Amino acid sequence: MPCVYISTNLCLDGLDLDPVFADATKAVAAIIGRPENFVMVILKGSLAISFGGNKEPAAYTEIVAMGGINTQVKRKLIATLGTSSTRGSRFRPPGSSSRSTTPPRKPSRNCNLNI
């Protein structure tokens, strides 16, 4: 199950975040080739983030999946979620710096799912 973590130092209270969740889900599902109902999106706001030595608006995106992410897919994900190209501008705070990553991870043998 692909999971997208989007963290920002902006306050997200009172904002309509449904388009962010919908766009991130659609983008990741299309790029990785998984059904949308398998994609998880986590959006955290009001975090203490310093980027480049300052605390101006910033966002950090991390994509984790148990498979389907090779170099070409990483580039597409970063281009979509980590830059203002395509529909990615919705994933960045206005006037912010943004960093995206797809860390290499091995699936854990012990997976817990709390619902």
PDB file of N, CA and C in Angstrom:
ATOM      1  N   MET A   1       0.847  -1.171   0.000  1.00  0.00           N
ATOM      2  CA  MET A   1       0.000   0.000   0.000  1.00  0.00           C
ATOM      3  C   MET A   1       0.891   1.233   0.000  1.00  0.00           C
ATOM      4  N   PRO A   2       0.861   2.034  -1.066  1.00  0.00           N
ATOM      5  CA  PRO A   2       1.627   3.284  -1.072  1.00  0.00           C
ATOM      6  C   PRO A   2       1.059   4.273  -0.056  1.00  0.00           C
ATOM      7  N   CYS A   3       1.956   4.982   0.599  1.00  0.00           N
ATOM      8  CA  CYS A   3       1.545   5.989   1.571  1.00  0.00           C
ATOM      9  C   CYS A   3       2.312   7.273   1.295  1.00  0.00           C
ATOM     10  N   VAL A   4       1.600   8.381   1.238  1.00  0.00           N
ATOM     11  CA  VAL A   4       2.197   9.692   1.011  1.00  0.00           C
ATOM     12  C   VAL A   4       2.039  10.496   2.291  1.00  0.00           C
ATOM     13  N   TYR A   5       3.179  10.923   2.843  1.00  0.00           N
ATOM     14  CA  TYR A   5       3.184  11.798   4.020  1.00  0.00           C
ATOM     15  C   TYR A   5       3.517  13.202   3.531  1.00  0.00           C
ATOM     16  N   ILE A   6       2.632  14.148   3.749  1.00  0.00           N
ATOM     17  CA  ILE A   6       2.896  15.550   3.398  1.00  0.00           C
ATOM     18  C   ILE A   6       2.903  16.332   4.704  1.00  0.00           C
ATOM     19  N   SER A   7       4.039  16.926   5.022  1.00  0.00           N
ATOM     20  CA  SER A   7       4.197  17.699   6.254  1.00  0.00           C
ATOM     21  C   SER A   7       4.519  19.141   5.901  1.00  0.00           C
ATOM     22  N   THR A   8       3.919  20.076   6.637  1.00  0.00           N
ATOM     23  CA  THR A   8       4.171  21.488   6.393  1.00  0.00           C
ATOM     24  C   THR A   8       4.160  22.260   7.709  1.00  0.00           C
ATOM     25  N   ASN A   9       4.782  23.426   7.678  1.00  0.00           N
ATOM     26  CA  ASN A   9       4.758  24.275   8.863  1.00  0.00           C
ATOM     27  C   ASN A   9       3.593  25.273   8.816  1.00  0.00           C
ATOM     28  N   LEU A  10       2.766  25.197   7.806  1.00  0.00           N
ATOM     29  CA  LEU A  10       1.604  26.067   7.717  1.00  0.00           C
ATOM     30  C   LEU A  10       0.433  25.497   8.509  1.00  0.00           C
ATOM     31  N   CYS A  11      -0.392  26.377   9.020  1.00  0.00           N
ATOM     32  CA  CYS A  11      -1.610  25.967   9.715  1.00  0.00           C
ATOM     33  C   CYS A  11      -2.645  25.590   8.654  1.00  0.00           C
ATOM     34  N   LEU A  12      -3.183  24.398   8.761  1.00  0.00           N
ATOM     35  CA  LEU A  12      -4.149  23.912   7.784  1.00  0.00           C
ATOM     36  C   LEU A  12      -5.581  23.989   8.301  1.00  0.00           C
ATOM     37  N   ASP A  13      -5.752  24.486   9.523  1.00  0.00           N
ATOM     38  CA  ASP A  13      -7.080  24.592  10.129  1.00  0.00           C
ATOM     39  C   ASP A  13      -7.996  25.440   9.257  1.00  0.00           C
ATOM     40  N   GLY A  14      -9.182  24.945   9.011  1.00  0.00           N
ATOM     41  CA  GLY A  14     -10.184  25.700   8.267  1.00  0.00           C
ATOM     42  C   GLY A  14     -10.021  25.648   6.761  1.00  0.00           C
ATOM     43  N   LEU A  15      -8.980  24.996   6.254  1.00  0.00           N
ATOM     44  CA  LEU A  15      -8.783  24.904   4.810  1.00  0.00           C
ATOM     45  C   LEU A  15      -9.498  23.677   4.267  1.00  0.00           C
ATOM     46  N   ASP A  16      -9.961  23.760   3.031  1.00  0.00           N
ATOM     47  CA  ASP A  16     -10.571  22.618   2.369  1.00  0.00           C
ATOM     48  C   ASP A  16      -9.449  21.728   1.841  1.00  0.00           C
ATOM     49  N   LEU A  17      -9.198  20.632   2.521  1.00  0.00           N
ATOM     50  CA  LEU A  17      -8.090  19.742   2.169  1.00  0.00           C
ATOM     51  C   LEU A  17      -8.523  18.583   1.288  1.00  0.00           C
ATOM     52  N   ASP A  18      -9.816  18.451   1.024  1.00  0.00           N
ATOM     53  CA  ASP A  18     -10.293  17.354   0.184  1.00  0.00           C
ATOM     54  C   ASP A  18      -9.617  17.317  -1.193  1.00  0.00           C
ATOM     55  N   PRO A  19      -9.435  18.473  -1.870  1.00  0.00           N
ATOM     56  CA  PRO A  19      -8.751  18.429  -3.169  1.00  0.00           C
ATOM     57  C   PRO A  19      -7.303  17.936  -3.070  1.00  0.00           C
ATOM     58  N   VAL A  20      -6.622  18.246  -1.976  1.00  0.00           N
ATOM     59  CA  VAL A  20      -5.247  17.785  -1.787  1.00  0.00           C
ATOM     60  C   VAL A  20      -5.224  16.270  -1.661  1.00  0.00           C
ATOM     61  N   PHE A  21      -6.109  15.734  -0.822  1.00  0.00           N
ATOM     62  CA  PHE A  21      -6.181  14.287  -0.651  1.00  0.00           C
ATOM     63  C   PHE A  21      -6.553  13.599  -1.964  1.00  0.00           C
ATOM     64  N   ALA A  22      -7.541  14.131  -2.663  1.00  0.00           N
ATOM     65  CA  ALA A  22      -7.991  13.520  -3.919  1.00  0.00           C
ATOM     66  C   ALA A  22      -6.893  13.553  -4.980  1.00  0.00           C
ATOM     67  N   ASP A  23      -6.244  14.708  -5.139  1.00  0.00           N
ATOM     68  CA  ASP A  23      -5.197  14.831  -6.162  1.00  0.00           C
ATOM     69  C   ASP A  23      -3.983  13.968  -5.849  1.00  0.00           C
ATOM     70  N   ALA A  24      -3.580  13.923  -4.590  1.00  0.00           N
ATOM     71  CA  ALA A  24      -2.429  13.100  -4.211  1.00  0.00           C
ATOM     72  C   ALA A  24      -2.748  11.629  -4.433  1.00  0.00           C
ATOM     73  N   THR A  25      -3.935  11.215  -4.055  1.00  0.00           N
ATOM     74  CA  THR A  25      -4.336   9.824  -4.242  1.00  0.00           C
ATOM     75  C   THR A  25      -4.330   9.445  -5.716  1.00  0.00           C
ATOM     76  N   LYS A  26      -4.943  10.276  -6.549  1.00  0.00           N
ATOM     77  CA  LYS A  26      -5.006   9.994  -7.987  1.00  0.00           C
ATOM     78  C   LYS A  26      -3.620   9.972  -8.615  1.00  0.00           C
ATOM     79  N   ALA A  27      -2.779  10.941  -8.254  1.00  0.00           N
ATOM     80  CA  ALA A  27      -1.444  11.024  -8.836  1.00  0.00           C
ATOM     81  C   ALA A  27      -0.602   9.807  -8.481  1.00  0.00           C
ATOM     82  N   VAL A  28      -0.576   9.444  -7.206  1.00  0.00           N
ATOM     83  CA  VAL A  28       0.237   8.301  -6.765  1.00  0.00           C
ATOM     84  C   VAL A  28      -0.290   7.003  -7.374  1.00  0.00           C
ATOM     85  N   ALA A  29      -1.594   6.812  -7.382  1.00  0.00           N
ATOM     86  CA  ALA A  29      -2.170   5.593  -7.957  1.00  0.00           C
ATOM     87  C   ALA A  29      -1.812   5.466  -9.436  1.00  0.00           C
ATOM     88  N   ALA A  30      -1.927   6.558 -10.169  1.00  0.00           N
ATOM     89  CA  ALA A  30      -1.625   6.526 -11.597  1.00  0.00           C
ATOM     90  C   ALA A  30      -0.151   6.262 -11.867  1.00  0.00           C
ATOM     91  N   ILE A  31       0.719   6.917 -11.113  1.00  0.00           N
ATOM     92  CA  ILE A  31       2.161   6.793 -11.355  1.00  0.00           C
ATOM     93  C   ILE A  31       2.690   5.428 -10.917  1.00  0.00           C
ATOM     94  N   ILE A  32       2.256   4.955  -9.757  1.00  0.00           N
ATOM     95  CA  ILE A  32       2.765   3.680  -9.240  1.00  0.00           C
ATOM     96  C   ILE A  32       2.027   2.500  -9.866  1.00  0.00           C
ATOM     97  N   GLY A  33       0.814   2.726 -10.354  1.00  0.00           N
ATOM     98  CA  GLY A  33       0.054   1.650 -10.969  1.00  0.00           C
ATOM     99  C   GLY A  33      -0.714   0.808  -9.968  1.00  0.00           C
ATOM    100  N   ARG A  34      -1.170   1.438  -8.910  1.00  0.00           N
ATOM    101  CA  ARG A  34      -1.978   0.757  -7.893  1.00  0.00           C
ATOM    102  C   ARG A  34      -3.376   1.383  -7.898  1.00  0.00           C
ATOM    103  N   PRO A  35      -4.370   0.637  -7.460  1.00  0.00           N
ATOM    104  CA  PRO A  35      -5.716   1.221  -7.375  1.00  0.00           C
ATOM    105  C   PRO A  35      -5.750   2.350  -6.338  1.00  0.00           C
ATOM    106  N   GLU A  36      -6.603   3.340  -6.579  1.00  0.00           N
ATOM    107  CA  GLU A  36      -6.714   4.478  -5.656  1.00  0.00           C
ATOM    108  C   GLU A  36      -7.097   4.035  -4.249  1.00  0.00           C
ATOM    109  N   ASN A  37      -7.889   2.973  -4.123  1.00  0.00           N
ATOM    110  CA  ASN A  37      -8.316   2.554  -2.786  1.00  0.00           C
ATOM    111  C   ASN A  37      -7.189   1.882  -2.003  1.00  0.00           C
ATOM    112  N   PHE A  38      -6.010   1.738  -2.600  1.00  0.00           N
ATOM    113  CA  PHE A  38      -4.842   1.202  -1.897  1.00  0.00           C
ATOM    114  C   PHE A  38      -3.894   2.314  -1.450  1.00  0.00           C
ATOM    115  N   VAL A  39      -4.151   3.562  -1.841  1.00  0.00           N
ATOM    116  CA  VAL A  39      -3.245   4.678  -1.552  1.00  0.00           C
ATOM    117  C   VAL A  39      -3.688   5.386  -0.273  1.00  0.00           C
ATOM    118  N   MET A  40      -2.731   5.594   0.639  1.00  0.00           N
ATOM    119  CA  MET A  40      -2.991   6.334   1.879  1.00  0.00           C
ATOM    120  C   MET A  40      -2.282   7.685   1.786  1.00  0.00           C
ATOM    121  N   VAL A  41      -2.955   8.744   2.216  1.00  0.00           N
ATOM    122  CA  VAL A  41      -2.371  10.088   2.233  1.00  0.00           C
ATOM    123  C   VAL A  41      -2.487  10.630   3.651  1.00  0.00           C
ATOM    124  N   ILE A  42      -1.374  11.081   4.194  1.00  0.00           N
ATOM    125  CA  ILE A  42      -1.347  11.688   5.526  1.00  0.00           C
ATOM    126  C   ILE A  42      -0.854  13.120   5.363  1.00  0.00           C
ATOM    127  N   LEU A  43      -1.626  14.059   5.867  1.00  0.00           N
ATOM    128  CA  LEU A  43      -1.289  15.476   5.750  1.00  0.00           C
ATOM    129  C   LEU A  43      -1.194  16.060   7.150  1.00  0.00           C
ATOM    130  N   LYS A  44      -0.016  16.582   7.478  1.00  0.00           N
ATOM    131  CA  LYS A  44       0.211  17.168   8.809  1.00  0.00           C
ATOM    132  C   LYS A  44       0.594  18.633   8.640  1.00  0.00           C
ATOM    133  N   GLY A  45      -0.053  19.492   9.407  1.00  0.00           N
ATOM    134  CA  GLY A  45       0.253  20.910   9.360  1.00  0.00           C
ATOM    135  C   GLY A  45       0.706  21.417  10.719  1.00  0.00           C
ATOM    136  N   SER A  46       1.114  22.668  10.740  1.00  0.00           N
ATOM    137  CA  SER A  46       1.543  23.347  11.967  1.00  0.00           C
ATOM    138  C   SER A  46       2.742  22.669  12.630  1.00  0.00           C
ATOM    139  N   LEU A  47       3.632  22.111  11.827  1.00  0.00           N
ATOM    140  CA  LEU A  47       4.833  21.461  12.356  1.00  0.00           C
ATOM    141  C   LEU A  47       5.991  22.453  12.400  1.00  0.00           C
ATOM    142  N   ALA A  48       6.919  22.230  13.296  1.00  0.00           N
ATOM    143  CA  ALA A  48       8.127  23.053  13.350  1.00  0.00           C
ATOM    144  C   ALA A  48       9.081  22.535  12.273  1.00  0.00           C
ATOM    145  N   ILE A  49       9.229  23.311  11.197  1.00  0.00           N
ATOM    146  CA  ILE A  49      10.105  22.927  10.087  1.00  0.00           C
ATOM    147  C   ILE A  49      11.030  24.091   9.772  1.00  0.00           C
ATOM    148  N   SER A  50      12.295  23.793   9.682  1.00  0.00           N
ATOM    149  CA  SER A  50      13.291  24.766   9.235  1.00  0.00           C
ATOM    150  C   SER A  50      13.893  24.236   7.942  1.00  0.00           C
ATOM    151  N   PHE A  51      13.930  25.061   6.910  1.00  0.00           N
ATOM    152  CA  PHE A  51      14.504  24.660   5.625  1.00  0.00           C
ATOM    153  C   PHE A  51      15.473  25.752   5.190  1.00  0.00           C
ATOM    154  N   GLY A  52      16.709  25.374   4.954  1.00  0.00           N
ATOM    155  CA  GLY A  52      17.702  26.367   4.553  1.00  0.00           C
ATOM    156  C   GLY A  52      18.030  27.360   5.651  1.00  0.00           C
ATOM    157  N   GLY A  53      17.827  26.954   6.892  1.00  0.00           N
ATOM    158  CA  GLY A  53      18.162  27.824   8.012  1.00  0.00           C
ATOM    159  C   GLY A  53      17.084  28.821   8.388  1.00  0.00           C
ATOM    160  N   ASN A  54      15.929  28.770   7.732  1.00  0.00           N
ATOM    161  CA  ASN A  54      14.853  29.686   8.113  1.00  0.00           C
ATOM    162  C   ASN A  54      13.561  28.900   8.299  1.00  0.00           C
ATOM    163  N   LYS A  55      12.576  29.560   8.840  1.00  0.00           N
ATOM    164  CA  LYS A  55      11.301  28.912   9.137  1.00  0.00           C
ATOM    165  C   LYS A  55      10.169  29.451   8.276  1.00  0.00           C
ATOM    166  N   GLU A  56      10.508  29.886   7.072  1.00  0.00           N
ATOM    167  CA  GLU A  56       9.482  30.335   6.136  1.00  0.00           C
ATOM    168  C   GLU A  56       8.648  29.131   5.708  1.00  0.00           C
ATOM    169  N   PRO A  57       7.488  29.372   5.060  1.00  0.00           N
ATOM    170  CA  PRO A  57       6.637  28.253   4.660  1.00  0.00           C
ATOM    171  C   PRO A  57       7.418  27.179   3.908  1.00  0.00           C
ATOM    172  N   ALA A  58       7.234  25.934   4.341  1.00  0.00           N
ATOM    173  CA  ALA A  58       7.938  24.810   3.735  1.00  0.00           C
ATOM    174  C   ALA A  58       7.073  23.562   3.803  1.00  0.00           C
ATOM    175  N   ALA A  59       7.368  22.609   2.945  1.00  0.00           N
ATOM    176  CA  ALA A  59       6.667  21.330   2.953  1.00  0.00           C
ATOM    177  C   ALA A  59       7.663  20.216   2.693  1.00  0.00           C
ATOM    178  N   TYR A  60       7.367  19.050   3.244  1.00  0.00           N
ATOM    179  CA  TYR A  60       8.183  17.861   3.048  1.00  0.00           C
ATOM    180  C   TYR A  60       7.237  16.727   2.684  1.00  0.00           C
ATOM    181  N   THR A  61       7.527  16.037   1.598  1.00  0.00           N
ATOM    182  CA  THR A  61       6.692  14.933   1.150  1.00  0.00           C
ATOM    183  C   THR A  61       7.523  13.669   1.117  1.00  0.00           C
ATOM    184  N   GLU A  62       6.987  12.607   1.671  1.00  0.00           N
ATOM    185  CA  GLU A  62       7.656  11.308   1.666  1.00  0.00           C
ATOM    186  C   GLU A  62       6.677  10.276   1.133  1.00  0.00           C
ATOM    187  N   ILE A  63       7.151   9.470   0.181  1.00  0.00           N
ATOM    188  CA  ILE A  63       6.324   8.426  -0.392  1.00  0.00           C
ATOM    189  C   ILE A  63       6.935   7.086  -0.030  1.00  0.00           C
ATOM    190  N   VAL A  64       6.143   6.213   0.568  1.00  0.00           N
ATOM    191  CA  VAL A  64       6.610   4.902   0.978  1.00  0.00           C
ATOM    192  C   VAL A  64       5.699   3.860   0.328  1.00  0.00           C
ATOM    193  N   ALA A  65       6.309   2.831  -0.245  1.00  0.00           N
ATOM    194  CA  ALA A  65       5.540   1.740  -0.843  1.00  0.00           C
ATOM    195  C   ALA A  65       6.332   0.449  -0.706  1.00  0.00           C
ATOM    196  N   MET A  66       5.631  -0.650  -0.714  1.00  0.00           N
ATOM    197  CA  MET A  66       6.287  -1.948  -0.580  1.00  0.00           C
ATOM    198  C   MET A  66       6.740  -2.493  -1.930  1.00  0.00           C
ATOM    199  N   GLY A  67       6.594  -1.734  -2.971  1.00  0.00           N
ATOM    200  CA  GLY A  67       7.029  -2.157  -4.298  1.00  0.00           C
ATOM    201  C   GLY A  67       6.508  -1.190  -5.336  1.00  0.00           C
ATOM    202  N   GLY A  68       7.008  -1.313  -6.537  1.00  0.00           N
ATOM    203  CA  GLY A  68       6.527  -0.486  -7.638  1.00  0.00           C
ATOM    204  C   GLY A  68       7.215   0.852  -7.776  1.00  0.00           C
ATOM    205  N   ILE A  69       8.231   1.127  -6.930  1.00  0.00           N
ATOM    206  CA  ILE A  69       8.926   2.413  -7.034  1.00  0.00           C
ATOM    207  C   ILE A  69      10.364   2.156  -7.484  1.00  0.00           C
ATOM    208  N   ASN A  70      10.603   2.384  -8.777  1.00  0.00           N
ATOM    209  CA  ASN A  70      11.962   2.321  -9.306  1.00  0.00           C
ATOM    210  C   ASN A  70      12.419   3.744  -9.602  1.00  0.00           C
ATOM    211  N   THR A  71      13.570   3.897 -10.201  1.00  0.00           N
ATOM    212  CA  THR A  71      14.127   5.236 -10.448  1.00  0.00           C
ATOM    213  C   THR A  71      13.196   6.083 -11.309  1.00  0.00           C
ATOM    214  N   GLN A  72      12.646   5.502 -12.346  1.00  0.00           N
ATOM    215  CA  GLN A  72      11.757   6.255 -13.237  1.00  0.00           C
ATOM    216  C   GLN A  72      10.490   6.698 -12.494  1.00  0.00           C
ATOM    217  N   VAL A  73       9.927   5.809 -11.693  1.00  0.00           N
ATOM    218  CA  VAL A  73       8.724   6.138 -10.927  1.00  0.00           C
ATOM    219  C   VAL A  73       9.038   7.214  -9.890  1.00  0.00           C
ATOM    220  N   LYS A  74      10.207   7.118  -9.231  1.00  0.00           N
ATOM    221  CA  LYS A  74      10.618   8.147  -8.267  1.00  0.00           C
ATOM    222  C   LYS A  74      10.638   9.518  -8.919  1.00  0.00           C
ATOM    223  N   ARG A  75      11.219   9.581 -10.114  1.00  0.00           N
ATOM    224  CA  ARG A  75      11.297  10.877 -10.822  1.00  0.00           C
ATOM    225  C   ARG A  75       9.911  11.432 -11.112  1.00  0.00           C
ATOM    226  N   LYS A  76       8.992  10.577 -11.539  1.00  0.00           N
ATOM    227  CA  LYS A  76       7.626  11.030 -11.823  1.00  0.00           C
ATOM    228  C   LYS A  76       6.924  11.509 -10.552  1.00  0.00           C
ATOM    229  N   LEU A  77       7.107  10.766  -9.469  1.00  0.00           N
ATOM    230  CA  LEU A  77       6.483  11.158  -8.202  1.00  0.00           C
ATOM    231  C   LEU A  77       7.018  12.499  -7.721  1.00  0.00           C
ATOM    232  N   ILE A  78       8.323  12.678  -7.773  1.00  0.00           N
ATOM    233  CA  ILE A  78       8.924  13.939  -7.330  1.00  0.00           C
ATOM    234  C   ILE A  78       8.480  15.082  -8.228  1.00  0.00           C
ATOM    235  N   ALA A  79       8.411  14.836  -9.532  1.00  0.00           N
ATOM    236  CA  ALA A  79       7.972  15.886 -10.456  1.00  0.00           C
ATOM    237  C   ALA A  79       6.525  16.280 -10.193  1.00  0.00           C
ATOM    238  N   THR A  80       5.714  15.333  -9.782  1.00  0.00           N
ATOM    239  CA  THR A  80       4.293  15.612  -9.551  1.00  0.00           C
ATOM    240  C   THR A  80       4.031  16.164  -8.158  1.00  0.00           C
ATOM    241  N   LEU A  81       4.598  15.529  -7.139  1.00  0.00           N
ATOM    242  CA  LEU A  81       4.297  15.921  -5.762  1.00  0.00           C
ATOM    243  C   LEU A  81       5.277  16.931  -5.186  1.00  0.00           C
ATOM    244  N   GLY A  82       6.472  17.021  -5.756  1.00  0.00           N
ATOM    245  CA  GLY A  82       7.507  17.846  -5.152  1.00  0.00           C
ATOM    246  C   GLY A  82       7.803  19.151  -5.847  1.00  0.00           C
ATOM    247  N   THR A  83       7.150  19.411  -6.958  1.00  0.00           N
ATOM    248  CA  THR A  83       7.393  20.660  -7.672  1.00  0.00           C
ATOM    249  C   THR A  83       6.062  21.303  -8.009  1.00  0.00           C
ATOM    250  N   SER A  84       6.115  22.456  -8.622  1.00  0.00           N
ATOM    251  CA  SER A  84       4.874  23.132  -8.995  1.00  0.00           C
ATOM    252  C   SER A  84       4.403  22.714 -10.378  1.00  0.00           C
ATOM    253  N   SER A  85       5.100  21.757 -11.005  1.00  0.00           N
ATOM    254  CA  SER A  85       4.664  21.292 -12.319  1.00  0.00           C
ATOM    255  C   SER A  85       3.418  20.435 -12.198  1.00  0.00           C
ATOM    256  N   THR A  86       2.767  20.214 -13.297  1.00  0.00           N
ATOM    257  CA  THR A  86       1.558  19.406 -13.398  1.00  0.00           C
ATOM    258  C   THR A  86       0.535  19.923 -12.389  1.00  0.00           C
ATOM    259  N   ARG A  87       0.049  19.066 -11.520  1.00  0.00           N
ATOM    260  CA  ARG A  87      -0.922  19.464 -10.504  1.00  0.00           C
ATOM    261  C   ARG A  87      -0.256  19.568  -9.150  1.00  0.00           C
ATOM    262  N   GLY A  88       1.065  19.460  -9.125  1.00  0.00           N
ATOM    263  CA  GLY A  88       1.803  19.428  -7.874  1.00  0.00           C
ATOM    264  C   GLY A  88       1.731  20.690  -7.046  1.00  0.00           C
ATOM    265  N   SER A  89       1.355  21.824  -7.662  1.00  0.00           N
ATOM    266  CA  SER A  89       1.313  23.069  -6.895  1.00  0.00           C
ATOM    267  C   SER A  89       0.321  22.980  -5.743  1.00  0.00           C
ATOM    268  N   ARG A  90      -0.651  22.107  -5.858  1.00  0.00           N
ATOM    269  CA  ARG A  90      -1.629  21.936  -4.785  1.00  0.00           C
ATOM    270  C   ARG A  90      -0.980  21.292  -3.561  1.00  0.00           C
ATOM    271  N   PHE A  91       0.142  20.611  -3.752  1.00  0.00           N
ATOM    272  CA  PHE A  91       0.804  19.908  -2.666  1.00  0.00           C
ATOM    273  C   PHE A  91       1.839  20.771  -1.960  1.00  0.00           C
ATOM    274  N   ARG A  92       2.016  21.999  -2.404  1.00  0.00           N
ATOM    275  CA  ARG A  92       3.010  22.891  -1.801  1.00  0.00           C
ATOM    276  C   ARG A  92       2.332  24.129  -1.260  1.00  0.00           C
ATOM    277  N   PRO A  93       2.737  24.580  -0.110  1.00  0.00           N
ATOM    278  CA  PRO A  93       2.225  25.856   0.377  1.00  0.00           C
ATOM    279  C   PRO A  93       2.670  26.973  -0.556  1.00  0.00           C
ATOM    280  N   PRO A  94       1.838  27.974  -0.803  1.00  0.00           N
ATOM    281  CA  PRO A  94       2.231  29.078  -1.680  1.00  0.00           C
ATOM    282  C   PRO A  94       3.513  29.750  -1.183  1.00  0.00           C
ATOM    283  N   GLY A  95       4.452  29.978  -2.087  1.00  0.00           N
ATOM    284  CA  GLY A  95       5.701  30.646  -1.736  1.00  0.00           C
ATOM    285  C   GLY A  95       6.610  29.821  -0.853  1.00  0.00           C
ATOM    286  N   SER A  96       6.421  28.508  -0.843  1.00  0.00           N
ATOM    287  CA  SER A  96       7.189  27.675   0.072  1.00  0.00           C
ATOM    288  C   SER A  96       8.305  26.927  -0.635  1.00  0.00           C
ATOM    289  N   SER A  97       9.209  26.414   0.173  1.00  0.00           N
ATOM    290  CA  SER A  97      10.190  25.467  -0.310  1.00  0.00           C
ATOM    291  C   SER A  97       9.589  24.092  -0.136  1.00  0.00           C
ATOM    292  N   SER A  98       9.997  23.155  -0.974  1.00  0.00           N
ATOM    293  CA  SER A  98       9.443  21.817  -0.887  1.00  0.00           C
ATOM    294  C   SER A  98      10.523  20.792  -1.119  1.00  0.00           C
ATOM    295  N   ARG A  99      10.442  19.692  -0.401  1.00  0.00           N
ATOM    296  CA  ARG A  99      11.398  18.599  -0.545  1.00  0.00           C
ATOM    297  C   ARG A  99      10.604  17.312  -0.609  1.00  0.00           C
ATOM    298  N   SER A 100      10.866  16.477  -1.600  1.00  0.00           N
ATOM    299  CA  SER A 100      10.197  15.187  -1.727  1.00  0.00           C
ATOM    300  C   SER A 100      11.231  14.086  -1.703  1.00  0.00           C
ATOM    301  N   THR A 101      10.841  12.959  -1.143  1.00  0.00           N
ATOM    302  CA  THR A 101      11.757  11.831  -1.101  1.00  0.00           C
ATOM    303  C   THR A 101      10.986  10.525  -1.178  1.00  0.00           C
ATOM    304  N   THR A 102      11.621   9.520  -1.708  1.00  0.00           N
ATOM    305  CA  THR A 102      11.091   8.164  -1.705  1.00  0.00           C
ATOM    306  C   THR A 102      12.179   7.284  -1.126  1.00  0.00           C
ATOM    307  N   PRO A 103      12.232   7.181   0.210  1.00  0.00           N
ATOM    308  CA  PRO A 103      13.329   6.467   0.854  1.00  0.00           C
ATOM    309  C   PRO A 103      13.297   4.974   0.553  1.00  0.00           C
ATOM    310  N   PRO A 104      14.480   4.368   0.426  1.00  0.00           N
ATOM    311  CA  PRO A 104      14.499   2.917   0.235  1.00  0.00           C
ATOM    312  C   PRO A 104      14.118   2.237   1.541  1.00  0.00           C
ATOM    313  N   ARG A 105      13.119   1.413   1.506  1.00  0.00           N
ATOM    314  CA  ARG A 105      12.674   0.721   2.709  1.00  0.00           C
ATOM    315  C   ARG A 105      12.347  -0.715   2.356  1.00  0.00           C
ATOM    316  N   LYS A 106      12.640  -1.585   3.289  1.00  0.00           N
ATOM    317  CA  LYS A 106      12.246  -2.977   3.131  1.00  0.00           C
ATOM    318  C   LYS A 106      10.961  -3.180   3.914  1.00  0.00           C
ATOM    319  N   PRO A 107      10.028  -3.950   3.353  1.00  0.00           N
ATOM    320  CA  PRO A 107       8.802  -4.198   4.104  1.00  0.00           C
ATOM    321  C   PRO A 107       9.093  -4.945   5.390  1.00  0.00           C
ATOM    322  N   SER A 108       8.381  -4.574   6.424  1.00  0.00           N
ATOM    323  CA  SER A 108       8.542  -5.222   7.715  1.00  0.00           C
ATOM    324  C   SER A 108       7.806  -6.555   7.709  1.00  0.00           C
ATOM    325  N   ARG A 109       8.358  -7.520   8.400  1.00  0.00           N
ATOM    326  CA  ARG A 109       7.676  -8.805   8.517  1.00  0.00           C
ATOM    327  C   ARG A 109       6.473  -8.672   9.442  1.00  0.00           C
ATOM    328  N   ASN A 110       6.572  -7.813  10.418  1.00  0.00           N
ATOM    329  CA  ASN A 110       5.490  -7.619  11.378  1.00  0.00           C
ATOM    330  C   ASN A 110       4.768  -6.325  11.041  1.00  0.00           C
ATOM    331  N   CYS A 111       3.643  -6.431  10.368  1.00  0.00           N
ATOM    332  CA  CYS A 111       2.865  -5.250  10.004  1.00  0.00           C
ATOM    333  C   CYS A 111       1.622  -5.193  10.875  1.00  0.00           C
ATOM    334  N   ASN A 112       1.402  -4.083  11.490  1.00  0.00           N
ATOM    335  CA  ASN A 112       0.194  -3.874  12.286  1.00  0.00           C
ATOM    336  C   ASN A 112      -0.649  -2.821  11.616  1.00  0.00           C
ATOM    337  N   LEU A 113      -1.933  -3.052  11.544  1.00  0.00           N
ATOM    338  CA  LEU A 113      -2.846  -2.081  10.983  1.00  0.00           C
ATOM    339  C   LEU A 113      -3.887  -1.778  12.037  1.00  0.00           C
ATOM    340  N   ASN A 114      -3.857  -0.562  12.542  1.00  0.00           N
ATOM    341  CA  ASN A 114      -4.823  -0.144  13.548  1.00  0.00           C
ATOM    342  C   ASN A 114      -5.897   0.689  12.894  1.00  0.00           C
ATOM    343  N   ILE A 115      -7.127   0.254  13.018  1.00  0.00           N
ATOM    344  CA  ILE A 115      -8.229   0.976  12.393  1.00  0.00           C
ATOM    345  C   ILE A 115      -9.129   1.524  13.473  1.00  0.00           C
TER     346      ILE A 115
END
